């Protein structure tokens, strides 16, 4: 997976730390950090929670995987 710089940038524009954002989502900060690093994907429910807080489309988390699947 690729690092999600866009996620970090949007979070920082909201003046939130990883810890603050993870607390809003009720998840460990290490889990959230792994999303930003592109190591893990959130569940669909958590992606939707992120989208509501940050004002983004929740499917953005899964676009790379969908693109890869469409190439096969």
PDB file of N, CA and C in Angstrom:
ATOM      1  N   UNK A   1       0.828  -1.187   0.000  1.00  0.00           N
ATOM      2  CA  UNK A   1       0.000   0.000   0.000  1.00  0.00           C
ATOM      3  C   UNK A   1       0.873   1.251   0.000  1.00  0.00           C
ATOM      4  N   UNK A   2       0.290   2.311  -0.432  1.00  0.00           N
ATOM      5  CA  UNK A   2       0.996   3.573  -0.531  1.00  0.00           C
ATOM      6  C   UNK A   2       0.629   4.493   0.632  1.00  0.00           C
ATOM      7  N   UNK A   3       1.623   5.229   1.101  1.00  0.00           N
ATOM      8  CA  UNK A   3       1.384   6.176   2.194  1.00  0.00           C
ATOM      9  C   UNK A   3       0.304   7.179   1.801  1.00  0.00           C
ATOM     10  N   UNK A   4      -0.519   7.520   2.754  1.00  0.00           N
ATOM     11  CA  UNK A   4      -1.644   8.430   2.499  1.00  0.00           C
ATOM     12  C   UNK A   4      -1.322   9.834   3.012  1.00  0.00           C
ATOM     13  N   UNK A   5      -0.516  10.551   2.247  1.00  0.00           N
ATOM     14  CA  UNK A   5      -0.158  11.921   2.637  1.00  0.00           C
ATOM     15  C   UNK A   5      -1.391  12.808   2.683  1.00  0.00           C
ATOM     16  N   UNK A   6      -2.346  12.540   1.812  1.00  0.00           N
ATOM     17  CA  UNK A   6      -3.571  13.346   1.768  1.00  0.00           C
ATOM     18  C   UNK A   6      -4.323  13.275   3.087  1.00  0.00           C
ATOM     19  N   UNK A   7      -4.315  12.092   3.728  1.00  0.00           N
ATOM     20  CA  UNK A   7      -5.029  11.923   4.986  1.00  0.00           C
ATOM     21  C   UNK A   7      -4.380  12.759   6.081  1.00  0.00           C
ATOM     22  N   UNK A   8      -3.066  12.712   6.146  1.00  0.00           N
ATOM     23  CA  UNK A   8      -2.338  13.511   7.133  1.00  0.00           C
ATOM     24  C   UNK A   8      -2.577  15.004   6.898  1.00  0.00           C
ATOM     25  N   UNK A   9      -2.508  15.428   5.638  1.00  0.00           N
ATOM     26  CA  UNK A   9      -2.681  16.842   5.322  1.00  0.00           C
ATOM     27  C   UNK A   9      -4.071  17.348   5.722  1.00  0.00           C
ATOM     28  N   UNK A  10      -5.100  16.568   5.420  1.00  0.00           N
ATOM     29  CA  UNK A  10      -6.458  16.991   5.767  1.00  0.00           C
ATOM     30  C   UNK A  10      -6.634  17.027   7.284  1.00  0.00           C
ATOM     31  N   UNK A  11      -6.099  16.006   7.977  1.00  0.00           N
ATOM     32  CA  UNK A  11      -6.187  15.988   9.441  1.00  0.00           C
ATOM     33  C   UNK A  11      -5.495  17.211  10.036  1.00  0.00           C
ATOM     34  N   UNK A  12      -4.317  17.522   9.513  1.00  0.00           N
ATOM     35  CA  UNK A  12      -3.570  18.673  10.029  1.00  0.00           C
ATOM     36  C   UNK A  12      -4.283  19.989   9.729  1.00  0.00           C
ATOM     37  N   UNK A  13      -4.983  20.069   8.590  1.00  0.00           N
ATOM     38  CA  UNK A  13      -5.754  21.270   8.275  1.00  0.00           C
ATOM     39  C   UNK A  13      -6.863  21.488   9.307  1.00  0.00           C
ATOM     40  N   UNK A  14      -7.323  20.401   9.907  1.00  0.00           N
ATOM     41  CA  UNK A  14      -8.349  20.485  10.959  1.00  0.00           C
ATOM     42  C   UNK A  14      -7.711  20.732  12.328  1.00  0.00           C
ATOM     43  N   UNK A  15      -6.379  20.934  12.331  1.00  0.00           N
ATOM     44  CA  UNK A  15      -5.616  21.175  13.565  1.00  0.00           C
ATOM     45  C   UNK A  15      -5.796  20.055  14.579  1.00  0.00           C
ATOM     46  N   UNK A  16      -5.704  18.825  14.102  1.00  0.00           N
ATOM     47  CA  UNK A  16      -5.851  17.666  14.981  1.00  0.00           C
ATOM     48  C   UNK A  16      -4.595  16.810  14.930  1.00  0.00           C
ATOM     49  N   UNK A  17      -4.222  16.282  16.093  1.00  0.00           N
ATOM     50  CA  UNK A  17      -3.123  15.317  16.147  1.00  0.00           C
ATOM     51  C   UNK A  17      -3.673  13.932  15.834  1.00  0.00           C
ATOM     52  N   UNK A  18      -2.778  13.002  15.584  1.00  0.00           N
ATOM     53  CA  UNK A  18      -3.216  11.616  15.376  1.00  0.00           C
ATOM     54  C   UNK A  18      -3.958  11.105  16.600  1.00  0.00           C
ATOM     55  N   UNK A  19      -3.476  11.442  17.778  1.00  0.00           N
ATOM     56  CA  UNK A  19      -4.120  10.996  19.010  1.00  0.00           C
ATOM     57  C   UNK A  19      -5.534  11.564  19.126  1.00  0.00           C
ATOM     58  N   UNK A  20      -5.677  12.843  18.891  1.00  0.00           N
ATOM     59  CA  UNK A  20      -7.009  13.466  18.975  1.00  0.00           C
ATOM     60  C   UNK A  20      -7.975  12.831  17.974  1.00  0.00           C
ATOM     61  N   UNK A  21      -7.489  12.603  16.765  1.00  0.00           N
ATOM     62  CA  UNK A  21      -8.351  12.038  15.740  1.00  0.00           C
ATOM     63  C   UNK A  21      -8.713  10.591  16.064  1.00  0.00           C
ATOM     64  N   UNK A  22      -7.745   9.833  16.546  1.00  0.00           N
ATOM     65  CA  UNK A  22      -8.025   8.436  16.897  1.00  0.00           C
ATOM     66  C   UNK A  22      -9.026   8.356  18.050  1.00  0.00           C
ATOM     67  N   UNK A  23      -8.947   9.290  18.985  1.00  0.00           N
ATOM     68  CA  UNK A  23      -9.914   9.310  20.091  1.00  0.00           C
ATOM     69  C   UNK A  23     -11.322   9.606  19.586  1.00  0.00           C
ATOM     70  N   UNK A  24     -11.437  10.501  18.606  1.00  0.00           N
ATOM     71  CA  UNK A  24     -12.743  10.781  17.999  1.00  0.00           C
ATOM     72  C   UNK A  24     -13.345   9.519  17.363  1.00  0.00           C
ATOM     73  N   UNK A  25     -12.463   8.716  16.775  1.00  0.00           N
ATOM     74  CA  UNK A  25     -12.898   7.498  16.091  1.00  0.00           C
ATOM     75  C   UNK A  25     -13.012   6.306  17.042  1.00  0.00           C
ATOM     76  N   UNK A  26     -12.571   6.507  18.285  1.00  0.00           N
ATOM     77  CA  UNK A  26     -12.592   5.437  19.284  1.00  0.00           C
ATOM     78  C   UNK A  26     -11.753   4.232  18.855  1.00  0.00           C
ATOM     79  N   UNK A  27     -10.528   4.533  18.380  1.00  0.00           N
ATOM     80  CA  UNK A  27      -9.582   3.493  17.968  1.00  0.00           C
ATOM     81  C   UNK A  27      -8.214   3.824  18.562  1.00  0.00           C
ATOM     82  N   UNK A  28      -7.333   2.840  18.654  1.00  0.00           N
ATOM     83  CA  UNK A  28      -5.971   3.130  19.127  1.00  0.00           C
ATOM     84  C   UNK A  28      -5.242   4.055  18.149  1.00  0.00           C
ATOM     85  N   UNK A  29      -4.388   4.910  18.670  1.00  0.00           N
ATOM     86  CA  UNK A  29      -3.631   5.819  17.824  1.00  0.00           C
ATOM     87  C   UNK A  29      -2.750   5.040  16.850  1.00  0.00           C
ATOM     88  N   UNK A  30      -2.266   3.889  17.257  1.00  0.00           N
ATOM     89  CA  UNK A  30      -1.430   3.080  16.363  1.00  0.00           C
ATOM     90  C   UNK A  30      -2.216   2.583  15.151  1.00  0.00           C
ATOM     91  N   UNK A  31      -3.486   2.314  15.349  1.00  0.00           N
ATOM     92  CA  UNK A  31      -4.338   1.894  14.231  1.00  0.00           C
ATOM     93  C   UNK A  31      -4.500   3.040  13.245  1.00  0.00           C
ATOM     94  N   UNK A  32      -4.805   4.221  13.781  1.00  0.00           N
ATOM     95  CA  UNK A  32      -4.951   5.372  12.895  1.00  0.00           C
ATOM     96  C   UNK A  32      -3.647   5.665  12.163  1.00  0.00           C
ATOM     97  N   UNK A  33      -2.535   5.625  12.874  1.00  0.00           N
ATOM     98  CA  UNK A  33      -1.239   5.897  12.249  1.00  0.00           C
ATOM     99  C   UNK A  33      -0.969   4.926  11.105  1.00  0.00           C
ATOM    100  N   UNK A  34      -1.382   3.668  11.279  1.00  0.00           N
ATOM    101  CA  UNK A  34      -1.166   2.683  10.213  1.00  0.00           C
ATOM    102  C   UNK A  34      -2.011   2.997   8.981  1.00  0.00           C
ATOM    103  N   UNK A  35      -3.138   3.673   9.173  1.00  0.00           N
ATOM    104  CA  UNK A  35      -3.943   4.111   8.018  1.00  0.00           C
ATOM    105  C   UNK A  35      -3.196   5.189   7.252  1.00  0.00           C
ATOM    106  N   UNK A  36      -2.648   6.168   7.981  1.00  0.00           N
ATOM    107  CA  UNK A  36      -1.896   7.246   7.323  1.00  0.00           C
ATOM    108  C   UNK A  36      -0.667   6.699   6.612  1.00  0.00           C
ATOM    109  N   UNK A  37      -0.038   5.702   7.208  1.00  0.00           N
ATOM    110  CA  UNK A  37       1.162   5.116   6.614  1.00  0.00           C
ATOM    111  C   UNK A  37       0.829   4.201   5.443  1.00  0.00           C
ATOM    112  N   UNK A  38      -0.439   3.878   5.279  1.00  0.00           N
ATOM    113  CA  UNK A  38      -0.843   2.990   4.200  1.00  0.00           C
ATOM    114  C   UNK A  38      -0.590   1.529   4.495  1.00  0.00           C
ATOM    115  N   UNK A  39      -0.317   1.209   5.753  1.00  0.00           N
ATOM    116  CA  UNK A  39      -0.051  -0.168   6.159  1.00  0.00           C
ATOM    117  C   UNK A  39      -1.350  -0.962   6.271  1.00  0.00           C
ATOM    118  N   UNK A  40      -2.404  -0.273   6.700  1.00  0.00           N
ATOM    119  CA  UNK A  40      -3.708  -0.915   6.876  1.00  0.00           C
ATOM    120  C   UNK A  40      -4.804  -0.031   6.305  1.00  0.00           C
ATOM    121  N   UNK A  41      -5.931  -0.658   6.003  1.00  0.00           N
ATOM    122  CA  UNK A  41      -7.135   0.065   5.609  1.00  0.00           C
ATOM    123  C   UNK A  41      -8.112   0.051   6.770  1.00  0.00           C
ATOM    124  N   UNK A  42      -8.873   1.116   6.897  1.00  0.00           N
ATOM    125  CA  UNK A  42      -9.944   1.093   7.901  1.00  0.00           C
ATOM    126  C   UNK A  42     -11.070   0.180   7.424  1.00  0.00           C
ATOM    127  N   UNK A  43     -11.911  -0.223   8.353  1.00  0.00           N
ATOM    128  CA  UNK A  43     -13.122  -0.929   7.954  1.00  0.00           C
ATOM    129  C   UNK A  43     -13.993   0.076   7.198  1.00  0.00           C
ATOM    130  N   UNK A  44     -14.969  -0.418   6.495  1.00  0.00           N
ATOM    131  CA  UNK A  44     -15.865   0.483   5.768  1.00  0.00           C
ATOM    132  C   UNK A  44     -16.563   1.432   6.737  1.00  0.00           C
ATOM    133  N   UNK A  45     -17.004   0.901   7.877  1.00  0.00           N
ATOM    134  CA  UNK A  45     -17.671   1.760   8.868  1.00  0.00           C
ATOM    135  C   UNK A  45     -16.744   2.873   9.358  1.00  0.00           C
ATOM    136  N   UNK A  46     -15.496   2.533   9.651  1.00  0.00           N
ATOM    137  CA  UNK A  46     -14.553   3.557  10.131  1.00  0.00           C
ATOM    138  C   UNK A  46     -14.184   4.519   9.010  1.00  0.00           C
ATOM    139  N   UNK A  47     -14.086   4.029   7.775  1.00  0.00           N
ATOM    140  CA  UNK A  47     -13.817   4.921   6.642  1.00  0.00           C
ATOM    141  C   UNK A  47     -14.943   5.937   6.505  1.00  0.00           C
ATOM    142  N   UNK A  48     -16.163   5.481   6.735  1.00  0.00           N
ATOM    143  CA  UNK A  48     -17.312   6.391   6.672  1.00  0.00           C
ATOM    144  C   UNK A  48     -17.264   7.402   7.818  1.00  0.00           C
ATOM    145  N   UNK A  49     -16.833   6.963   8.999  1.00  0.00           N
ATOM    146  CA  UNK A  49     -16.678   7.889  10.135  1.00  0.00           C
ATOM    147  C   UNK A  49     -15.644   8.971   9.799  1.00  0.00           C
ATOM    148  N   UNK A  50     -14.513   8.549   9.227  1.00  0.00           N
ATOM    149  CA  UNK A  50     -13.463   9.498   8.840  1.00  0.00           C
ATOM    150  C   UNK A  50     -14.010  10.487   7.818  1.00  0.00           C
ATOM    151  N   UNK A  51     -14.773   9.974   6.860  1.00  0.00           N
ATOM    152  CA  UNK A  51     -15.293  10.837   5.804  1.00  0.00           C
ATOM    153  C   UNK A  51     -16.228  11.907   6.363  1.00  0.00           C
ATOM    154  N   UNK A  52     -17.004  11.547   7.363  1.00  0.00           N
ATOM    155  CA  UNK A  52     -17.909  12.525   7.976  1.00  0.00           C
ATOM    156  C   UNK A  52     -17.132  13.622   8.704  1.00  0.00           C
ATOM    157  N   UNK A  53     -16.097  13.226   9.419  1.00  0.00           N
ATOM    158  CA  UNK A  53     -15.314  14.187  10.199  1.00  0.00           C
ATOM    159  C   UNK A  53     -14.484  15.095   9.295  1.00  0.00           C
ATOM    160  N   UNK A  54     -13.868  14.508   8.264  1.00  0.00           N
ATOM    161  CA  UNK A  54     -12.964  15.273   7.411  1.00  0.00           C
ATOM    162  C   UNK A  54     -13.620  15.833   6.154  1.00  0.00           C
ATOM    163  N   UNK A  55     -14.836  15.402   5.864  1.00  0.00           N
ATOM    164  CA  UNK A  55     -15.513  15.896   4.676  1.00  0.00           C
ATOM    165  C   UNK A  55     -14.939  15.352   3.386  1.00  0.00           C
ATOM    166  N   UNK A  56     -14.620  14.063   3.386  1.00  0.00           N
ATOM    167  CA  UNK A  56     -14.074  13.406   2.195  1.00  0.00           C
ATOM    168  C   UNK A  56     -14.959  12.217   1.825  1.00  0.00           C
ATOM    169  N   UNK A  57     -14.734  11.668   0.648  1.00  0.00           N
ATOM    170  CA  UNK A  57     -15.456  10.488   0.197  1.00  0.00           C
ATOM    171  C   UNK A  57     -14.792   9.258   0.823  1.00  0.00           C
ATOM    172  N   UNK A  58     -15.547   8.426   1.505  1.00  0.00           N
ATOM    173  CA  UNK A  58     -14.978   7.275   2.213  1.00  0.00           C
ATOM    174  C   UNK A  58     -14.323   6.274   1.275  1.00  0.00           C
ATOM    175  N   UNK A  59     -14.711   6.232   0.016  1.00  0.00           N
ATOM    176  CA  UNK A  59     -14.153   5.234  -0.912  1.00  0.00           C
ATOM    177  C   UNK A  59     -12.707   5.521  -1.283  1.00  0.00           C
ATOM    178  N   UNK A  60     -12.226   6.717  -0.967  1.00  0.00           N
ATOM    179  CA  UNK A  60     -10.849   7.071  -1.296  1.00  0.00           C
ATOM    180  C   UNK A  60      -9.845   6.094  -0.666  1.00  0.00           C
ATOM    181  N   UNK A  61     -10.202   5.510   0.462  1.00  0.00           N
ATOM    182  CA  UNK A  61      -9.314   4.549   1.115  1.00  0.00           C
ATOM    183  C   UNK A  61      -9.108   3.293   0.281  1.00  0.00           C
ATOM    184  N   UNK A  62     -10.051   2.992  -0.584  1.00  0.00           N
ATOM    185  CA  UNK A  62     -10.037   1.722  -1.304  1.00  0.00           C
ATOM    186  C   UNK A  62      -9.796   1.876  -2.804  1.00  0.00           C
ATOM    187  N   UNK A  63      -9.570   3.096  -3.275  1.00  0.00           N
ATOM    188  CA  UNK A  63      -9.407   3.334  -4.703  1.00  0.00           C
ATOM    189  C   UNK A  63      -8.226   2.590  -5.292  1.00  0.00           C
ATOM    190  N   UNK A  64      -7.090   2.554  -4.608  1.00  0.00           N
ATOM    191  CA  UNK A  64      -5.908   1.866  -5.130  1.00  0.00           C
ATOM    192  C   UNK A  64      -6.186   0.378  -5.330  1.00  0.00           C
ATOM    193  N   UNK A  65      -6.834  -0.236  -4.339  1.00  0.00           N
ATOM    194  CA  UNK A  65      -7.145  -1.653  -4.438  1.00  0.00           C
ATOM    195  C   UNK A  65      -8.126  -1.933  -5.581  1.00  0.00           C
ATOM    196  N   UNK A  66      -9.111  -1.051  -5.746  1.00  0.00           N
ATOM    197  CA  UNK A  66     -10.068  -1.225  -6.840  1.00  0.00           C
ATOM    198  C   UNK A  66      -9.390  -1.082  -8.188  1.00  0.00           C
ATOM    199  N   UNK A  67      -8.465  -0.161  -8.298  1.00  0.00           N
ATOM    200  CA  UNK A  67      -7.724   0.026  -9.535  1.00  0.00           C
ATOM    201  C   UNK A  67      -6.905  -1.220  -9.853  1.00  0.00           C
ATOM    202  N   UNK A  68      -6.227  -1.758  -8.842  1.00  0.00           N
ATOM    203  CA  UNK A  68      -5.433  -2.972  -9.040  1.00  0.00           C
ATOM    204  C   UNK A  68      -6.296  -4.148  -9.476  1.00  0.00           C
ATOM    205  N   UNK A  69      -7.467  -4.290  -8.860  1.00  0.00           N
ATOM    206  CA  UNK A  69      -8.365  -5.390  -9.207  1.00  0.00           C
ATOM    207  C   UNK A  69      -8.882  -5.252 -10.629  1.00  0.00           C
ATOM    208  N   UNK A  70      -9.116  -4.028 -11.072  1.00  0.00           N
ATOM    209  CA  UNK A  70      -9.652  -3.817 -12.428  1.00  0.00           C
ATOM    210  C   UNK A  70      -8.612  -4.104 -13.500  1.00  0.00           C
ATOM    211  N   UNK A  71      -7.346  -4.077 -13.130  1.00  0.00           N
ATOM    212  CA  UNK A  71      -6.269  -4.351 -14.094  1.00  0.00           C
ATOM    213  C   UNK A  71      -6.044  -5.832 -14.312  1.00  0.00           C
ATOM    214  N   UNK A  72      -6.584  -6.656 -13.410  1.00  0.00           N
ATOM    215  CA  UNK A  72      -6.358  -8.103 -13.510  1.00  0.00           C
ATOM    216  C   UNK A  72      -7.335  -8.749 -14.448  1.00  0.00           C
TER     217      UNK A  72
END
